[in-house]
């Protein structure tokens, strides 16, 4: 089945919605999300149904931005819950309290990225990215993390957003490549503003 097919697998449906496959399966079992089964018993979901379901969950425009952020948050939850994160040296340096704070801050960052994009990605709205970067750096500096460790941690989570944009562009109906390039540049602008703020904080400290 090609990735541009009208019908997608359970895993692809989870990627589009930004949740765990078990969550999609549960929605289908309850009848909240329409699906059908192949002769082999595998679930298939129609793209139009997935997009409609996503839209009814959050009335935030544009839809792409909402689903991308939801997808990134879902990936982060799965990694923190049982992925490769526990093997990262920078993560093991942090106290349990700081890990909890970083999870909260991660949700805040994703929400501010959504607001930045929904607001037209104007340069004057990048001040929040600078503030977020300083807050992130301050928290990790207190924990004793070095600048390289702080940057590695930042890249670990910012990659979720970038990967979500790429996943969304591959799994949804074709749009102008210029639109996706613009969205990617806008997200990178926000992420880079945060990164520079982190570096500046450590250099001033």
N, C-alpha and C. Protein backbone atom coordinates (compact mmCIF):
# COMPACT_ATOMS: atom_id res chain seq x y z
N UNK A 1 0.85 -1.19 0.00
CA UNK A 1 0.00 0.00 0.00
C UNK A 1 0.88 1.23 0.00
N UNK A 2 0.68 2.15 -0.94
CA UNK A 2 1.51 3.33 -1.02
C UNK A 2 1.09 4.32 0.06
N UNK A 3 2.04 5.23 0.43
CA UNK A 3 1.77 6.17 1.49
C UNK A 3 0.79 7.26 1.06
N UNK A 4 0.52 7.32 -0.24
CA UNK A 4 -0.44 8.31 -0.72
C UNK A 4 -1.82 7.68 -0.92
N UNK A 5 -2.00 6.42 -0.51
CA UNK A 5 -3.28 5.75 -0.66
C UNK A 5 -4.33 6.42 0.22
N UNK A 6 -5.60 6.27 -0.19
CA UNK A 6 -6.69 6.84 0.60
C UNK A 6 -6.77 6.14 1.95
N UNK A 7 -6.43 4.85 2.00
CA UNK A 7 -6.51 4.07 3.23
C UNK A 7 -5.12 3.85 3.79
N UNK A 8 -4.99 3.97 5.11
CA UNK A 8 -3.69 3.83 5.75
C UNK A 8 -3.77 2.79 6.87
N UNK A 9 -2.62 2.32 7.28
CA UNK A 9 -2.52 1.30 8.32
C UNK A 9 -2.73 1.92 9.70
N UNK A 10 -2.80 1.06 10.70
CA UNK A 10 -2.94 1.53 12.08
C UNK A 10 -1.76 2.40 12.47
N UNK A 11 -0.55 1.99 12.13
CA UNK A 11 0.64 2.76 12.46
C UNK A 11 0.62 4.13 11.77
N UNK A 12 0.24 4.16 10.50
CA UNK A 12 0.18 5.43 9.79
C UNK A 12 -0.90 6.34 10.37
N UNK A 13 -2.02 5.75 10.77
CA UNK A 13 -3.08 6.54 11.40
C UNK A 13 -2.58 7.16 12.71
N UNK A 14 -1.83 6.38 13.48
CA UNK A 14 -1.26 6.89 14.72
C UNK A 14 -0.28 8.03 14.44
N UNK A 15 0.52 7.89 13.37
CA UNK A 15 1.47 8.96 13.00
C UNK A 15 0.73 10.24 12.64
N UNK A 16 -0.35 10.10 11.89
CA UNK A 16 -1.11 11.28 11.47
C UNK A 16 -1.73 11.99 12.67
N UNK A 17 -2.26 11.21 13.62
CA UNK A 17 -2.94 11.79 14.78
C UNK A 17 -1.99 12.13 15.92
N UNK A 18 -0.74 11.61 15.86
CA UNK A 18 0.23 11.91 16.89
C UNK A 18 -0.04 11.22 18.21
N UNK A 19 -0.57 10.00 18.15
CA UNK A 19 -0.86 9.23 19.36
C UNK A 19 -0.31 7.82 19.19
N UNK A 20 -0.36 7.05 20.26
CA UNK A 20 0.10 5.67 20.21
C UNK A 20 -0.90 4.84 19.41
N UNK A 21 -0.42 3.82 18.67
CA UNK A 21 -1.35 2.95 17.92
C UNK A 21 -2.44 2.34 18.79
N UNK A 22 -2.12 2.05 20.05
CA UNK A 22 -3.14 1.47 20.94
C UNK A 22 -4.29 2.44 21.17
N UNK A 23 -3.98 3.74 21.15
CA UNK A 23 -5.02 4.74 21.33
C UNK A 23 -5.95 4.76 20.12
N UNK A 24 -5.37 4.68 18.93
CA UNK A 24 -6.18 4.63 17.71
C UNK A 24 -7.05 3.38 17.71
N UNK A 25 -6.47 2.26 18.10
CA UNK A 25 -7.22 1.01 18.15
C UNK A 25 -8.40 1.12 19.11
N UNK A 26 -8.17 1.78 20.26
CA UNK A 26 -9.24 1.95 21.25
C UNK A 26 -10.35 2.82 20.69
N UNK A 27 -9.99 3.91 19.99
CA UNK A 27 -11.01 4.78 19.39
C UNK A 27 -11.84 4.02 18.36
N UNK A 28 -11.15 3.17 17.59
CA UNK A 28 -11.86 2.38 16.57
C UNK A 28 -12.80 1.37 17.23
N UNK A 29 -12.33 0.74 18.30
CA UNK A 29 -13.16 -0.24 19.01
C UNK A 29 -14.42 0.39 19.58
N UNK A 30 -14.31 1.64 20.02
CA UNK A 30 -15.46 2.34 20.61
C UNK A 30 -16.37 2.93 19.54
N UNK A 31 -15.93 2.89 18.29
CA UNK A 31 -16.74 3.43 17.21
C UNK A 31 -16.54 4.92 16.99
N UNK A 32 -15.57 5.52 17.70
CA UNK A 32 -15.31 6.94 17.53
C UNK A 32 -14.59 7.23 16.21
N UNK A 33 -13.83 6.26 15.74
CA UNK A 33 -13.03 6.44 14.53
C UNK A 33 -13.36 5.32 13.56
N UNK A 34 -13.98 5.62 12.41
CA UNK A 34 -14.35 4.57 11.45
C UNK A 34 -13.13 3.83 10.92
N UNK A 35 -13.28 2.55 10.69
CA UNK A 35 -12.20 1.75 10.12
C UNK A 35 -12.79 0.54 9.42
N UNK A 36 -11.97 -0.15 8.66
CA UNK A 36 -12.38 -1.40 8.05
C UNK A 36 -11.23 -2.37 8.20
N UNK A 37 -11.48 -3.63 7.91
CA UNK A 37 -10.43 -4.64 8.02
C UNK A 37 -10.14 -5.26 6.66
N UNK A 38 -8.87 -5.56 6.45
CA UNK A 38 -8.46 -6.24 5.23
C UNK A 38 -8.83 -7.71 5.35
N UNK A 39 -8.77 -8.48 4.25
CA UNK A 39 -9.03 -9.92 4.34
C UNK A 39 -8.14 -10.62 5.36
N UNK A 40 -6.97 -10.05 5.60
CA UNK A 40 -6.05 -10.63 6.58
C UNK A 40 -6.32 -10.19 8.00
N UNK A 41 -7.33 -9.33 8.20
CA UNK A 41 -7.72 -8.91 9.54
C UNK A 41 -7.05 -7.64 10.03
N UNK A 42 -6.29 -6.96 9.17
CA UNK A 42 -5.60 -5.74 9.59
C UNK A 42 -6.53 -4.53 9.43
N UNK A 43 -6.41 -3.60 10.36
CA UNK A 43 -7.24 -2.40 10.32
C UNK A 43 -6.73 -1.43 9.25
N UNK A 44 -7.67 -0.75 8.61
CA UNK A 44 -7.34 0.32 7.68
C UNK A 44 -8.23 1.52 7.98
N UNK A 45 -7.63 2.70 7.89
CA UNK A 45 -8.33 3.93 8.21
C UNK A 45 -8.27 4.86 7.01
N UNK A 46 -9.37 5.55 6.75
CA UNK A 46 -9.41 6.48 5.63
C UNK A 46 -8.86 7.84 6.07
N UNK A 47 -8.01 8.41 5.23
CA UNK A 47 -7.37 9.69 5.57
C UNK A 47 -8.39 10.77 5.91
N UNK A 48 -9.44 10.85 5.12
CA UNK A 48 -10.45 11.89 5.34
C UNK A 48 -11.07 11.75 6.73
N UNK A 49 -11.28 10.51 7.19
CA UNK A 49 -11.85 10.30 8.52
C UNK A 49 -10.88 10.73 9.61
N UNK A 50 -9.59 10.46 9.39
CA UNK A 50 -8.58 10.86 10.37
C UNK A 50 -8.48 12.37 10.48
N UNK A 51 -8.50 13.05 9.33
CA UNK A 51 -8.40 14.50 9.34
C UNK A 51 -9.64 15.12 9.99
N UNK A 52 -10.79 14.54 9.71
CA UNK A 52 -12.02 15.05 10.32
C UNK A 52 -11.99 14.83 11.83
N UNK A 53 -11.52 13.68 12.27
CA UNK A 53 -11.46 13.39 13.71
C UNK A 53 -10.51 14.36 14.40
N UNK A 54 -9.35 14.59 13.78
CA UNK A 54 -8.38 15.51 14.37
C UNK A 54 -8.98 16.91 14.50
N UNK A 55 -9.72 17.31 13.49
CA UNK A 55 -10.30 18.66 13.49
C UNK A 55 -11.35 18.81 14.57
N UNK A 56 -12.10 17.75 14.86
CA UNK A 56 -13.15 17.85 15.87
C UNK A 56 -12.57 17.85 17.28
N UNK A 57 -11.33 17.39 17.44
CA UNK A 57 -10.73 17.35 18.77
C UNK A 57 -10.22 18.71 19.21
N UNK A 58 -9.71 19.50 18.28
CA UNK A 58 -9.20 20.82 18.61
C UNK A 58 -9.57 21.80 17.50
N UNK A 59 -10.30 22.81 17.84
CA UNK A 59 -10.71 23.79 16.84
C UNK A 59 -9.65 24.89 16.72
N UNK A 60 -8.46 24.50 16.29
CA UNK A 60 -7.36 25.42 16.13
C UNK A 60 -6.92 25.37 14.69
N UNK A 61 -6.75 26.52 14.07
CA UNK A 61 -6.33 26.57 12.68
C UNK A 61 -4.93 27.14 12.58
N UNK A 62 -4.14 26.74 11.58
CA UNK A 62 -4.51 25.73 10.60
C UNK A 62 -4.43 24.32 11.18
N UNK A 63 -5.15 23.40 10.60
CA UNK A 63 -5.21 22.04 11.11
C UNK A 63 -3.84 21.38 11.13
N UNK A 64 -3.04 21.64 10.10
CA UNK A 64 -1.72 21.02 10.03
C UNK A 64 -0.90 21.32 11.28
N UNK A 65 -0.94 22.55 11.74
CA UNK A 65 -0.15 22.94 12.90
C UNK A 65 -0.59 22.18 14.13
N UNK A 66 -1.90 22.08 14.34
CA UNK A 66 -2.40 21.38 15.51
C UNK A 66 -1.97 19.92 15.52
N UNK A 67 -2.11 19.25 14.38
CA UNK A 67 -1.78 17.83 14.32
C UNK A 67 -0.28 17.60 14.45
N UNK A 68 0.52 18.48 13.87
CA UNK A 68 1.97 18.36 13.99
C UNK A 68 2.40 18.47 15.45
N UNK A 69 1.85 19.42 16.17
CA UNK A 69 2.19 19.58 17.58
C UNK A 69 1.70 18.38 18.38
N UNK A 70 0.49 17.90 18.07
CA UNK A 70 -0.04 16.73 18.76
C UNK A 70 0.84 15.52 18.50
N UNK A 71 1.31 15.39 17.28
CA UNK A 71 2.18 14.29 16.91
C UNK A 71 3.49 14.35 17.68
N UNK A 72 4.09 15.54 17.76
CA UNK A 72 5.36 15.71 18.46
C UNK A 72 5.21 15.38 19.94
N UNK A 73 4.11 15.82 20.54
CA UNK A 73 3.87 15.53 21.95
C UNK A 73 3.70 14.04 22.17
N UNK A 74 3.00 13.38 21.26
CA UNK A 74 2.82 11.93 21.37
C UNK A 74 4.14 11.19 21.28
N UNK A 75 5.02 11.60 20.36
CA UNK A 75 6.33 10.97 20.23
C UNK A 75 7.13 11.15 21.51
N UNK A 76 7.10 12.37 22.07
CA UNK A 76 7.86 12.64 23.28
C UNK A 76 7.37 11.77 24.44
N UNK A 77 6.05 11.62 24.55
CA UNK A 77 5.50 10.79 25.63
C UNK A 77 5.99 9.35 25.53
N UNK A 78 5.99 8.82 24.30
CA UNK A 78 6.41 7.43 24.11
C UNK A 78 7.88 7.25 24.42
N UNK A 79 8.72 8.22 24.05
CA UNK A 79 10.15 8.11 24.30
C UNK A 79 10.46 8.21 25.79
N UNK A 80 9.81 9.15 26.47
CA UNK A 80 10.03 9.30 27.91
C UNK A 80 9.53 8.07 28.65
N UNK A 81 8.42 7.50 28.17
CA UNK A 81 7.83 6.35 28.85
C UNK A 81 8.58 5.05 28.67
N UNK A 82 9.34 4.91 27.61
CA UNK A 82 10.01 3.63 27.42
C UNK A 82 10.91 3.58 26.21
N UNK A 83 11.36 4.72 25.75
CA UNK A 83 12.21 4.75 24.57
C UNK A 83 13.68 4.77 24.94
N UNK A 84 14.46 5.46 24.11
CA UNK A 84 15.92 5.48 24.29
C UNK A 84 16.38 6.58 25.23
N UNK A 85 15.45 7.36 25.75
CA UNK A 85 15.83 8.51 26.55
C UNK A 85 16.61 8.12 27.80
N UNK A 86 16.28 7.00 28.40
CA UNK A 86 16.96 6.60 29.63
C UNK A 86 18.43 6.28 29.40
N UNK A 87 18.84 6.12 28.16
CA UNK A 87 20.25 5.85 27.86
C UNK A 87 21.04 7.12 27.61
N UNK A 88 20.37 8.26 27.59
CA UNK A 88 21.05 9.52 27.30
C UNK A 88 21.74 10.05 28.56
N UNK A 89 23.04 10.37 28.42
CA UNK A 89 23.82 10.82 29.57
C UNK A 89 23.27 12.10 30.16
N UNK A 90 22.85 13.04 29.29
CA UNK A 90 22.35 14.32 29.78
C UNK A 90 21.06 14.13 30.58
N UNK A 91 20.26 13.13 30.22
CA UNK A 91 19.01 12.88 30.92
C UNK A 91 19.26 12.28 32.30
N UNK A 92 20.24 11.41 32.40
CA UNK A 92 20.53 10.75 33.66
C UNK A 92 21.14 11.69 34.69
N UNK A 93 21.70 12.82 34.24
CA UNK A 93 22.25 13.80 35.17
C UNK A 93 21.14 14.52 35.92
N UNK A 94 19.97 14.61 35.32
CA UNK A 94 18.88 15.40 35.89
C UNK A 94 18.19 14.67 37.04
N UNK A 95 17.72 15.45 38.01
CA UNK A 95 16.95 14.89 39.12
C UNK A 95 15.53 14.58 38.64
N UNK A 96 14.82 13.72 39.34
CA UNK A 96 13.42 13.42 38.97
C UNK A 96 12.55 14.67 38.91
N UNK A 97 12.81 15.61 39.84
CA UNK A 97 12.02 16.84 39.85
C UNK A 97 12.26 17.66 38.58
N UNK A 98 13.52 17.71 38.15
CA UNK A 98 13.84 18.47 36.94
C UNK A 98 13.28 17.79 35.70
N UNK A 99 13.25 16.47 35.71
CA UNK A 99 12.67 15.75 34.57
C UNK A 99 11.18 16.08 34.44
N UNK A 100 10.50 16.12 35.59
CA UNK A 100 9.09 16.48 35.57
C UNK A 100 8.89 17.90 35.06
N UNK A 101 9.78 18.80 35.49
CA UNK A 101 9.68 20.19 35.04
C UNK A 101 9.93 20.29 33.54
N UNK A 102 10.89 19.52 33.04
CA UNK A 102 11.19 19.56 31.62
C UNK A 102 10.03 19.04 30.78
N UNK A 103 9.31 18.06 31.31
CA UNK A 103 8.13 17.57 30.59
C UNK A 103 7.08 18.67 30.49
N UNK A 104 6.89 19.39 31.60
CA UNK A 104 5.95 20.50 31.59
C UNK A 104 6.41 21.60 30.65
N UNK A 105 7.71 21.91 30.69
CA UNK A 105 8.26 22.93 29.81
C UNK A 105 8.16 22.52 28.35
N UNK A 106 8.30 21.21 28.10
CA UNK A 106 8.20 20.72 26.73
C UNK A 106 6.82 20.98 26.16
N UNK A 107 5.79 20.74 26.96
CA UNK A 107 4.41 21.03 26.51
C UNK A 107 4.22 22.53 26.29
N UNK A 108 4.85 23.33 27.14
CA UNK A 108 4.75 24.78 26.99
C UNK A 108 5.43 25.23 25.68
N UNK A 109 6.58 24.66 25.39
CA UNK A 109 7.28 25.01 24.15
C UNK A 109 6.44 24.68 22.94
N UNK A 110 5.85 23.48 22.93
CA UNK A 110 5.02 23.07 21.80
C UNK A 110 3.81 24.00 21.63
N UNK A 111 3.22 24.40 22.74
CA UNK A 111 2.08 25.30 22.68
C UNK A 111 2.50 26.67 22.14
N UNK A 112 3.67 27.15 22.55
CA UNK A 112 4.12 28.45 22.07
C UNK A 112 4.52 28.39 20.59
N UNK A 113 5.03 27.27 20.15
CA UNK A 113 5.30 27.11 18.72
C UNK A 113 3.99 27.16 17.94
N UNK A 114 2.97 26.49 18.45
CA UNK A 114 1.66 26.52 17.80
C UNK A 114 1.14 27.95 17.70
N UNK A 115 1.24 28.69 18.79
CA UNK A 115 0.76 30.07 18.79
C UNK A 115 1.57 30.93 17.82
N UNK A 116 2.86 30.71 17.80
CA UNK A 116 3.73 31.48 16.90
C UNK A 116 3.34 31.24 15.44
N UNK A 117 3.12 29.99 15.09
CA UNK A 117 2.74 29.66 13.71
C UNK A 117 1.34 30.17 13.39
N UNK A 118 0.41 29.98 14.32
CA UNK A 118 -0.96 30.43 14.08
C UNK A 118 -1.05 31.95 13.97
N UNK A 119 -0.08 32.64 14.60
CA UNK A 119 -0.07 34.10 14.56
C UNK A 119 0.67 34.69 13.38
N UNK A 120 1.05 33.83 12.44
CA UNK A 120 1.72 34.33 11.25
C UNK A 120 3.22 34.29 11.30
N UNK A 121 3.79 33.72 12.38
CA UNK A 121 5.25 33.56 12.51
C UNK A 121 5.98 34.90 12.34
N UNK A 122 5.48 35.92 13.02
CA UNK A 122 6.11 37.24 12.92
C UNK A 122 7.34 37.33 13.83
N UNK A 123 8.34 38.08 13.38
CA UNK A 123 9.58 38.20 14.14
C UNK A 123 9.34 38.78 15.53
N UNK A 124 8.39 39.70 15.65
CA UNK A 124 8.16 40.32 16.95
C UNK A 124 7.61 39.33 17.98
N UNK A 125 7.15 38.19 17.52
CA UNK A 125 6.64 37.17 18.44
C UNK A 125 7.71 36.17 18.87
N UNK A 126 8.95 36.39 18.46
CA UNK A 126 10.03 35.48 18.83
C UNK A 126 10.56 35.73 20.24
N UNK A 127 10.08 36.80 20.88
CA UNK A 127 10.56 37.08 22.24
C UNK A 127 10.24 35.94 23.19
N UNK A 128 9.12 35.25 22.97
CA UNK A 128 8.77 34.12 23.84
C UNK A 128 9.75 32.98 23.65
N UNK A 129 10.27 32.80 22.44
CA UNK A 129 11.27 31.76 22.20
C UNK A 129 12.54 32.05 22.98
N UNK A 130 12.92 33.32 23.03
CA UNK A 130 14.11 33.73 23.78
C UNK A 130 13.91 33.47 25.27
N UNK A 131 12.72 33.82 25.76
CA UNK A 131 12.41 33.58 27.18
C UNK A 131 12.41 32.09 27.50
N UNK A 132 11.81 31.28 26.63
CA UNK A 132 11.79 29.83 26.85
C UNK A 132 13.20 29.26 26.88
N UNK A 133 14.06 29.75 25.98
CA UNK A 133 15.44 29.27 25.95
C UNK A 133 16.17 29.59 27.24
N UNK A 134 15.98 30.80 27.75
CA UNK A 134 16.64 31.18 29.00
C UNK A 134 16.13 30.35 30.17
N UNK A 135 14.81 30.13 30.22
CA UNK A 135 14.24 29.32 31.30
C UNK A 135 14.79 27.91 31.26
N UNK A 136 14.88 27.35 30.06
CA UNK A 136 15.40 25.99 29.88
C UNK A 136 16.85 25.92 30.34
N UNK A 137 17.65 26.89 29.89
CA UNK A 137 19.07 26.90 30.24
C UNK A 137 19.27 27.08 31.74
N UNK A 138 18.48 27.96 32.35
CA UNK A 138 18.61 28.20 33.78
C UNK A 138 18.32 26.94 34.58
N UNK A 139 17.27 26.22 34.19
CA UNK A 139 16.90 25.00 34.92
C UNK A 139 17.98 23.94 34.80
N UNK A 140 18.54 23.77 33.61
CA UNK A 140 19.55 22.73 33.41
C UNK A 140 20.90 23.13 33.99
N UNK A 141 21.19 24.42 33.99
CA UNK A 141 22.43 24.89 34.58
C UNK A 141 22.47 24.60 36.08
N UNK A 142 21.35 24.81 36.75
CA UNK A 142 21.25 24.52 38.18
C UNK A 142 21.49 23.03 38.45
N UNK A 143 21.06 22.19 37.51
CA UNK A 143 21.24 20.74 37.65
C UNK A 143 22.68 20.30 37.38
N UNK A 144 23.51 21.24 36.92
CA UNK A 144 24.90 20.91 36.65
C UNK A 144 25.17 20.44 35.24
N UNK A 145 24.21 20.55 34.34
CA UNK A 145 24.44 20.15 32.96
C UNK A 145 25.32 21.17 32.26
N UNK A 146 26.25 20.68 31.46
CA UNK A 146 27.10 21.55 30.67
C UNK A 146 26.33 22.06 29.46
N UNK A 147 26.91 23.04 28.77
CA UNK A 147 26.27 23.55 27.57
C UNK A 147 26.07 22.45 26.53
N UNK A 148 27.09 21.62 26.23
CA UNK A 148 26.86 20.54 25.25
C UNK A 148 25.73 19.60 25.67
N UNK A 149 25.63 19.29 26.96
CA UNK A 149 24.55 18.41 27.41
C UNK A 149 23.20 19.08 27.25
N UNK A 150 23.13 20.37 27.57
CA UNK A 150 21.87 21.09 27.43
C UNK A 150 21.43 21.15 25.98
N UNK A 151 22.39 21.37 25.08
CA UNK A 151 22.07 21.44 23.66
C UNK A 151 21.62 20.09 23.14
N UNK A 152 22.27 19.01 23.59
CA UNK A 152 21.84 17.67 23.16
C UNK A 152 20.41 17.40 23.59
N UNK A 153 20.08 17.77 24.81
CA UNK A 153 18.71 17.59 25.29
C UNK A 153 17.71 18.40 24.49
N UNK A 154 18.09 19.63 24.15
CA UNK A 154 17.22 20.48 23.36
C UNK A 154 16.99 19.90 21.98
N UNK A 155 18.05 19.43 21.34
CA UNK A 155 17.92 18.83 20.01
C UNK A 155 17.06 17.57 20.05
N UNK A 156 17.17 16.82 21.14
CA UNK A 156 16.41 15.57 21.25
C UNK A 156 14.92 15.84 21.10
N UNK A 157 14.43 16.88 21.77
CA UNK A 157 13.00 17.16 21.73
C UNK A 157 12.60 18.02 20.54
N UNK A 158 13.46 18.94 20.12
CA UNK A 158 13.10 19.77 18.96
C UNK A 158 13.02 18.92 17.70
N UNK A 159 13.78 17.82 17.66
CA UNK A 159 13.70 16.92 16.51
C UNK A 159 12.31 16.31 16.35
N UNK A 160 11.58 16.14 17.45
CA UNK A 160 10.23 15.59 17.37
C UNK A 160 9.34 16.48 16.51
N UNK A 161 9.48 17.79 16.67
CA UNK A 161 8.66 18.72 15.90
C UNK A 161 9.02 18.64 14.42
N UNK A 162 10.32 18.65 14.12
CA UNK A 162 10.77 18.58 12.73
C UNK A 162 10.31 17.27 12.09
N UNK A 163 10.48 16.17 12.81
CA UNK A 163 10.06 14.87 12.28
C UNK A 163 8.55 14.81 12.07
N UNK A 164 7.80 15.48 12.92
CA UNK A 164 6.34 15.49 12.78
C UNK A 164 5.93 16.23 11.51
N UNK A 165 6.63 17.32 11.20
CA UNK A 165 6.33 18.05 9.97
C UNK A 165 6.61 17.16 8.77
N UNK A 166 7.73 16.45 8.79
CA UNK A 166 8.08 15.58 7.67
C UNK A 166 7.08 14.43 7.54
N UNK A 167 6.67 13.85 8.68
CA UNK A 167 5.69 12.77 8.66
C UNK A 167 4.37 13.25 8.10
N UNK A 168 3.92 14.42 8.56
CA UNK A 168 2.64 14.97 8.11
C UNK A 168 2.67 15.25 6.61
N UNK A 169 3.79 15.77 6.13
CA UNK A 169 3.88 16.10 4.70
C UNK A 169 3.87 14.84 3.83
N UNK A 170 4.35 13.72 4.40
CA UNK A 170 4.39 12.47 3.64
C UNK A 170 3.05 11.73 3.65
N UNK A 171 2.29 11.86 4.74
CA UNK A 171 1.10 11.04 4.93
C UNK A 171 -0.21 11.73 4.56
N UNK A 172 -0.18 13.01 4.33
CA UNK A 172 -1.40 13.73 3.99
C UNK A 172 -1.44 14.01 2.49
N UNK A 173 -2.62 14.37 1.98
CA UNK A 173 -2.73 14.66 0.54
C UNK A 173 -1.73 15.74 0.13
N UNK A 174 -1.21 15.65 -1.09
CA UNK A 174 -0.16 16.57 -1.53
C UNK A 174 -0.58 18.04 -1.43
N UNK A 175 0.36 18.85 -0.98
CA UNK A 175 0.21 20.29 -0.97
C UNK A 175 1.41 20.88 -1.68
N UNK A 176 1.39 22.17 -1.85
CA UNK A 176 2.53 22.82 -2.47
C UNK A 176 3.79 22.60 -1.64
N UNK A 177 4.87 22.23 -2.30
CA UNK A 177 6.13 22.03 -1.59
C UNK A 177 6.59 23.34 -0.95
N UNK A 178 6.21 24.46 -1.57
CA UNK A 178 6.57 25.76 -1.00
C UNK A 178 5.90 25.97 0.36
N UNK A 179 4.66 25.46 0.52
CA UNK A 179 3.96 25.60 1.80
C UNK A 179 4.69 24.84 2.90
N UNK A 180 5.12 23.60 2.59
CA UNK A 180 5.84 22.81 3.58
C UNK A 180 7.18 23.43 3.90
N UNK A 181 7.86 23.96 2.88
CA UNK A 181 9.16 24.60 3.09
C UNK A 181 9.02 25.82 3.99
N UNK A 182 7.94 26.58 3.78
CA UNK A 182 7.69 27.76 4.61
C UNK A 182 7.45 27.36 6.05
N UNK A 183 6.62 26.34 6.26
CA UNK A 183 6.33 25.87 7.61
C UNK A 183 7.59 25.39 8.31
N UNK A 184 8.42 24.66 7.58
CA UNK A 184 9.66 24.15 8.16
C UNK A 184 10.59 25.30 8.53
N UNK A 185 10.68 26.29 7.66
CA UNK A 185 11.53 27.45 7.96
C UNK A 185 11.02 28.21 9.19
N UNK A 186 9.72 28.34 9.31
CA UNK A 186 9.14 29.06 10.45
C UNK A 186 9.44 28.34 11.76
N UNK A 187 9.29 27.02 11.75
CA UNK A 187 9.59 26.25 12.96
C UNK A 187 11.08 26.35 13.28
N UNK A 188 11.92 26.25 12.28
CA UNK A 188 13.37 26.36 12.50
C UNK A 188 13.74 27.72 13.06
N UNK A 189 13.06 28.77 12.63
CA UNK A 189 13.34 30.11 13.15
C UNK A 189 13.05 30.18 14.64
N UNK A 190 11.93 29.59 15.07
CA UNK A 190 11.58 29.57 16.49
C UNK A 190 12.58 28.73 17.27
N UNK A 191 12.88 27.55 16.75
CA UNK A 191 13.82 26.64 17.42
C UNK A 191 15.20 27.27 17.53
N UNK A 192 15.66 27.92 16.48
CA UNK A 192 16.98 28.54 16.49
C UNK A 192 17.05 29.70 17.47
N UNK A 193 15.95 30.44 17.60
CA UNK A 193 15.91 31.54 18.57
C UNK A 193 16.06 30.99 19.99
N UNK A 194 15.40 29.87 20.26
CA UNK A 194 15.55 29.23 21.56
C UNK A 194 16.98 28.76 21.78
N UNK A 195 17.56 28.13 20.76
CA UNK A 195 18.91 27.59 20.88
C UNK A 195 19.92 28.69 21.15
N UNK A 196 19.84 29.80 20.42
CA UNK A 196 20.76 30.91 20.65
C UNK A 196 20.60 31.48 22.06
N UNK A 197 19.37 31.52 22.55
CA UNK A 197 19.13 32.00 23.89
C UNK A 197 19.78 31.09 24.93
N UNK A 198 19.71 29.78 24.69
CA UNK A 198 20.35 28.82 25.60
C UNK A 198 21.86 29.04 25.63
N UNK A 199 22.45 29.16 24.46
CA UNK A 199 23.90 29.35 24.36
C UNK A 199 24.32 30.65 25.04
N UNK A 200 23.58 31.73 24.78
CA UNK A 200 23.91 33.03 25.39
C UNK A 200 23.82 32.97 26.90
N UNK A 201 22.84 32.23 27.43
CA UNK A 201 22.70 32.13 28.89
C UNK A 201 23.94 31.47 29.48
N UNK A 202 24.39 30.38 28.88
CA UNK A 202 25.55 29.68 29.41
C UNK A 202 26.82 30.52 29.29
N UNK A 203 26.92 31.28 28.20
CA UNK A 203 28.12 32.11 28.01
C UNK A 203 28.17 33.26 29.01
N UNK A 204 27.00 33.74 29.42
CA UNK A 204 26.94 34.84 30.40
C UNK A 204 27.07 34.35 31.81
N UNK A 205 26.74 33.08 32.03
CA UNK A 205 26.72 32.53 33.38
C UNK A 205 28.13 32.46 33.99
